Amino acid sequence: MFLSPCDGHLGHGEPIEDSARVISSIVNGILTRTFGHERVETLAHHSSVPVINGLSDLLHPCQLLADMQTYLRTAWRHRRCDRRLDRRRQQHVPRG
């Protein structure tokens, strides 16, 4: 379930504490992207499910996971190309 800033009143008219209780009663986990890191901490404190900081003004912990995934995919692609080149080289090496 995705809640955009227009869908919810998180911190705008409805206290974050109330939103945390309601949202955590319908989901198994919450990923939040917000500017104020204190909002992430308040949400986590009042939620009954795990809260993941997707982005805040203080930390961006998921960026490391995204960077590692990109690196691993790129490295795997390069290894595949290297193996193909090795097979081609082996085919053209004179035996003798």
N, C-alpha and C. Protein backbone atom coordinates (compact mmCIF):
# COMPACT_ATOMS: atom_id res chain seq x y z
N MET A 1 0.85 -1.15 0.00
CA MET A 1 0.00 0.00 0.00
C MET A 1 0.90 1.23 0.00
N PHE A 2 0.61 2.16 -0.87
CA PHE A 2 1.40 3.39 -0.96
C PHE A 2 0.52 4.56 -0.53
N LEU A 3 1.01 5.35 0.39
CA LEU A 3 0.32 6.56 0.81
C LEU A 3 1.17 7.76 0.44
N SER A 4 0.67 8.57 -0.47
CA SER A 4 1.39 9.79 -0.83
C SER A 4 1.06 10.87 0.19
N PRO A 5 1.77 11.97 0.17
CA PRO A 5 1.46 13.06 1.11
C PRO A 5 0.00 13.54 0.99
N CYS A 6 -0.59 13.38 -0.19
CA CYS A 6 -1.98 13.81 -0.38
C CYS A 6 -2.97 12.80 0.22
N ASP A 7 -2.57 11.53 0.30
CA ASP A 7 -3.48 10.48 0.79
C ASP A 7 -3.65 10.50 2.30
N GLY A 8 -2.61 10.77 3.00
CA GLY A 8 -2.66 10.72 4.46
C GLY A 8 -2.48 12.09 5.05
N HIS A 9 -2.77 12.20 6.32
CA HIS A 9 -2.58 13.46 7.02
C HIS A 9 -1.47 13.32 8.04
N LEU A 10 -0.48 12.51 7.71
CA LEU A 10 0.62 12.22 8.63
C LEU A 10 1.36 13.51 8.99
N GLY A 11 1.16 13.95 10.20
CA GLY A 11 1.83 15.16 10.65
C GLY A 11 1.15 16.43 10.21
N HIS A 12 0.09 16.35 9.41
CA HIS A 12 -0.65 17.53 8.94
C HIS A 12 -2.12 17.38 9.34
N GLY A 13 -2.45 17.70 10.55
CA GLY A 13 -3.83 17.60 10.99
C GLY A 13 -4.07 16.38 11.86
N GLU A 14 -3.37 15.31 11.60
CA GLU A 14 -3.48 14.11 12.44
C GLU A 14 -2.11 13.85 13.05
N PRO A 15 -2.06 13.65 14.35
CA PRO A 15 -0.75 13.40 14.98
C PRO A 15 -0.08 12.13 14.44
N ILE A 16 1.23 12.18 14.35
CA ILE A 16 2.00 11.04 13.85
C ILE A 16 1.74 9.81 14.71
N GLU A 17 1.57 10.01 16.00
CA GLU A 17 1.32 8.89 16.92
C GLU A 17 0.05 8.13 16.52
N ASP A 18 -1.04 8.87 16.21
CA ASP A 18 -2.29 8.24 15.80
C ASP A 18 -2.14 7.53 14.46
N SER A 19 -1.46 8.19 13.53
CA SER A 19 -1.23 7.58 12.21
C SER A 19 -0.44 6.28 12.36
N ALA A 20 0.56 6.28 13.23
CA ALA A 20 1.38 5.08 13.44
C ALA A 20 0.53 3.92 13.93
N ARG A 21 -0.37 4.19 14.88
CA ARG A 21 -1.23 3.13 15.41
C ARG A 21 -2.17 2.59 14.35
N VAL A 22 -2.79 3.48 13.57
CA VAL A 22 -3.75 3.05 12.54
C VAL A 22 -3.05 2.29 11.43
N ILE A 23 -1.97 2.86 10.89
CA ILE A 23 -1.27 2.22 9.77
C ILE A 23 -0.70 0.87 10.20
N SER A 24 -0.12 0.80 11.39
CA SER A 24 0.48 -0.47 11.82
C SER A 24 -0.56 -1.53 12.13
N SER A 25 -1.83 -1.15 12.24
CA SER A 25 -2.87 -2.16 12.45
C SER A 25 -3.29 -2.83 11.14
N ILE A 26 -2.87 -2.26 9.99
CA ILE A 26 -3.26 -2.86 8.71
C ILE A 26 -2.10 -3.38 7.87
N VAL A 27 -0.87 -3.13 8.26
CA VAL A 27 0.28 -3.57 7.47
C VAL A 27 1.26 -4.36 8.34
N ASN A 28 2.21 -5.03 7.69
CA ASN A 28 3.23 -5.80 8.40
C ASN A 28 4.53 -5.03 8.60
N GLY A 29 4.65 -3.90 7.95
CA GLY A 29 5.85 -3.08 8.06
C GLY A 29 5.61 -1.75 7.39
N ILE A 30 6.39 -0.75 7.77
CA ILE A 30 6.24 0.59 7.21
C ILE A 30 7.60 1.07 6.72
N LEU A 31 7.65 1.55 5.48
CA LEU A 31 8.84 2.22 4.97
C LEU A 31 8.44 3.67 4.81
N THR A 32 9.17 4.56 5.42
CA THR A 32 8.82 5.97 5.36
C THR A 32 9.94 6.79 4.75
N ARG A 33 9.54 7.76 3.94
CA ARG A 33 10.46 8.74 3.37
C ARG A 33 9.95 10.11 3.80
N THR A 34 10.73 10.80 4.59
CA THR A 34 10.30 12.08 5.12
C THR A 34 11.51 12.98 5.32
N PHE A 35 11.27 14.26 5.48
CA PHE A 35 12.39 15.18 5.67
C PHE A 35 12.88 15.18 7.10
N GLY A 36 11.98 15.15 8.06
CA GLY A 36 12.39 15.23 9.45
C GLY A 36 12.67 13.87 10.05
N HIS A 37 13.90 13.66 10.49
CA HIS A 37 14.27 12.37 11.06
C HIS A 37 13.49 12.09 12.35
N GLU A 38 13.11 13.13 13.07
CA GLU A 38 12.33 12.95 14.28
C GLU A 38 10.96 12.33 13.98
N ARG A 39 10.44 12.55 12.78
CA ARG A 39 9.18 11.91 12.38
C ARG A 39 9.34 10.40 12.26
N VAL A 40 10.48 9.97 11.72
CA VAL A 40 10.75 8.54 11.61
C VAL A 40 10.81 7.91 13.00
N GLU A 41 11.50 8.57 13.91
CA GLU A 41 11.62 8.05 15.26
C GLU A 41 10.28 8.01 15.99
N THR A 42 9.45 9.04 15.81
CA THR A 42 8.13 9.06 16.44
C THR A 42 7.25 7.96 15.87
N LEU A 43 7.29 7.80 14.56
CA LEU A 43 6.51 6.75 13.89
C LEU A 43 6.92 5.38 14.41
N ALA A 44 8.22 5.15 14.51
CA ALA A 44 8.73 3.85 14.99
C ALA A 44 8.36 3.60 16.45
N HIS A 45 8.40 4.64 17.25
CA HIS A 45 8.10 4.50 18.69
C HIS A 45 6.64 4.11 18.93
N HIS A 46 5.74 4.62 18.11
CA HIS A 46 4.30 4.39 18.32
C HIS A 46 3.71 3.31 17.42
N SER A 47 4.52 2.71 16.58
CA SER A 47 4.06 1.66 15.67
C SER A 47 4.25 0.29 16.31
N SER A 48 3.36 -0.62 15.96
CA SER A 48 3.50 -2.00 16.47
C SER A 48 4.19 -2.90 15.45
N VAL A 49 4.60 -2.36 14.31
CA VAL A 49 5.31 -3.11 13.26
C VAL A 49 6.65 -2.43 13.00
N PRO A 50 7.59 -3.12 12.37
CA PRO A 50 8.89 -2.50 12.06
C PRO A 50 8.74 -1.29 11.14
N VAL A 51 9.54 -0.27 11.37
CA VAL A 51 9.56 0.93 10.54
C VAL A 51 10.95 1.05 9.92
N ILE A 52 10.99 1.17 8.60
CA ILE A 52 12.25 1.30 7.86
C ILE A 52 12.39 2.74 7.39
N ASN A 53 13.54 3.33 7.66
CA ASN A 53 13.82 4.68 7.21
C ASN A 53 14.26 4.61 5.75
N GLY A 54 13.36 4.98 4.83
CA GLY A 54 13.70 5.00 3.41
C GLY A 54 14.51 6.22 3.03
N LEU A 55 14.30 7.31 3.76
CA LEU A 55 15.02 8.56 3.51
C LEU A 55 14.59 9.56 4.56
N SER A 56 15.53 10.22 5.16
CA SER A 56 15.24 11.34 6.05
C SER A 56 16.33 12.39 5.86
N ASP A 57 16.16 13.53 6.51
CA ASP A 57 17.17 14.58 6.37
C ASP A 57 18.48 14.21 7.04
N LEU A 58 18.46 13.22 7.94
CA LEU A 58 19.67 12.81 8.64
C LEU A 58 20.34 11.60 7.99
N LEU A 59 19.55 10.60 7.61
CA LEU A 59 20.10 9.34 7.10
C LEU A 59 19.39 8.88 5.84
N HIS A 60 20.10 8.11 5.03
CA HIS A 60 19.53 7.48 3.84
C HIS A 60 20.08 6.06 3.77
N PRO A 61 19.68 5.19 4.72
CA PRO A 61 20.29 3.86 4.82
C PRO A 61 20.00 2.94 3.63
N CYS A 62 18.89 3.12 2.96
CA CYS A 62 18.57 2.23 1.85
C CYS A 62 19.42 2.52 0.62
N GLN A 63 20.09 3.66 0.58
CA GLN A 63 20.95 3.99 -0.55
C GLN A 63 22.08 2.98 -0.69
N LEU A 64 22.64 2.53 0.42
CA LEU A 64 23.71 1.54 0.39
C LEU A 64 23.21 0.24 -0.24
N LEU A 65 22.00 -0.20 0.12
CA LEU A 65 21.45 -1.42 -0.46
C LEU A 65 21.26 -1.27 -1.97
N ALA A 66 20.76 -0.12 -2.40
CA ALA A 66 20.57 0.12 -3.83
C ALA A 66 21.91 0.14 -4.57
N ASP A 67 22.91 0.78 -3.97
CA ASP A 67 24.25 0.82 -4.58
C ASP A 67 24.85 -0.58 -4.68
N MET A 68 24.69 -1.39 -3.63
CA MET A 68 25.24 -2.75 -3.65
C MET A 68 24.54 -3.60 -4.71
N GLN A 69 23.23 -3.45 -4.84
CA GLN A 69 22.50 -4.21 -5.85
C GLN A 69 22.97 -3.83 -7.25
N THR A 70 23.16 -2.55 -7.49
CA THR A 70 23.66 -2.10 -8.79
C THR A 70 25.05 -2.66 -9.06
N TYR A 71 25.93 -2.61 -8.06
CA TYR A 71 27.28 -3.13 -8.22
C TYR A 71 27.26 -4.62 -8.53
N LEU A 72 26.48 -5.39 -7.78
CA LEU A 72 26.44 -6.84 -7.99
C LEU A 72 25.89 -7.20 -9.36
N ARG A 73 24.85 -6.51 -9.80
CA ARG A 73 24.31 -6.78 -11.14
C ARG A 73 25.33 -6.45 -12.23
N THR A 74 26.02 -5.33 -12.06
CA THR A 74 27.02 -4.92 -13.04
C THR A 74 28.20 -5.89 -13.05
N ALA A 75 28.67 -6.28 -11.88
CA ALA A 75 29.79 -7.22 -11.79
C ALA A 75 29.41 -8.56 -12.40
N TRP A 76 28.19 -9.03 -12.15
CA TRP A 76 27.73 -10.31 -12.71
C TRP A 76 27.69 -10.23 -14.23
N ARG A 77 27.23 -9.12 -14.77
CA ARG A 77 27.15 -8.95 -16.22
C ARG A 77 28.55 -8.97 -16.84
N HIS A 78 29.51 -8.31 -16.18
CA HIS A 78 30.88 -8.28 -16.69
C HIS A 78 31.51 -9.67 -16.65
N ARG A 79 31.25 -10.43 -15.59
CA ARG A 79 31.80 -11.79 -15.52
C ARG A 79 31.25 -12.66 -16.63
N ARG A 80 29.96 -12.49 -16.94
CA ARG A 80 29.36 -13.27 -18.02
C ARG A 80 30.03 -12.94 -19.34
N CYS A 81 30.28 -11.66 -19.59
CA CYS A 81 30.95 -11.25 -20.83
C CYS A 81 32.37 -11.81 -20.88
N ASP A 82 33.08 -11.76 -19.76
CA ASP A 82 34.45 -12.30 -19.72
C ASP A 82 34.46 -13.78 -20.03
N ARG A 83 33.49 -14.54 -19.52
CA ARG A 83 33.44 -15.98 -19.81
C ARG A 83 33.22 -16.23 -21.29
N ARG A 84 32.33 -15.45 -21.91
CA ARG A 84 32.10 -15.61 -23.35
C ARG A 84 33.37 -15.33 -24.15
N LEU A 85 34.08 -14.25 -23.75
CA LEU A 85 35.33 -13.93 -24.44
C LEU A 85 36.35 -15.04 -24.25
N ASP A 86 36.45 -15.62 -23.07
CA ASP A 86 37.38 -16.72 -22.82
C ASP A 86 37.06 -17.91 -23.71
N ARG A 87 35.77 -18.23 -23.86
CA ARG A 87 35.39 -19.36 -24.73
C ARG A 87 35.76 -19.08 -26.17
N ARG A 88 35.56 -17.86 -26.63
CA ARG A 88 35.92 -17.50 -28.01
C ARG A 88 37.42 -17.59 -28.22
N ARG A 89 38.18 -17.13 -27.24
CA ARG A 89 39.64 -17.20 -27.34
C ARG A 89 40.11 -18.65 -27.42
N GLN A 90 39.49 -19.49 -26.60
CA GLN A 90 39.87 -20.90 -26.58
C GLN A 90 39.58 -21.55 -27.93
N GLN A 91 38.50 -21.13 -28.60
CA GLN A 91 38.15 -21.72 -29.88
C GLN A 91 39.16 -21.35 -30.95
N HIS A 92 39.82 -20.20 -30.81
CA HIS A 92 40.72 -19.73 -31.85
C HIS A 92 42.20 -19.96 -31.53
N VAL A 93 42.49 -20.61 -30.46
CA VAL A 93 43.88 -20.88 -30.11
C VAL A 93 44.33 -22.11 -30.91
N PRO A 94 45.41 -21.99 -31.70
CA PRO A 94 45.89 -23.14 -32.47
C PRO A 94 46.39 -24.24 -31.55
N ARG A 95 45.98 -25.46 -31.84
CA ARG A 95 46.42 -26.60 -31.04
C ARG A 95 47.58 -27.28 -31.77
N GLY A 96 48.49 -27.63 -30.97
CA GLY A 96 49.44 -28.25 -31.71
C GLY A 96 50.70 -28.69 -31.33
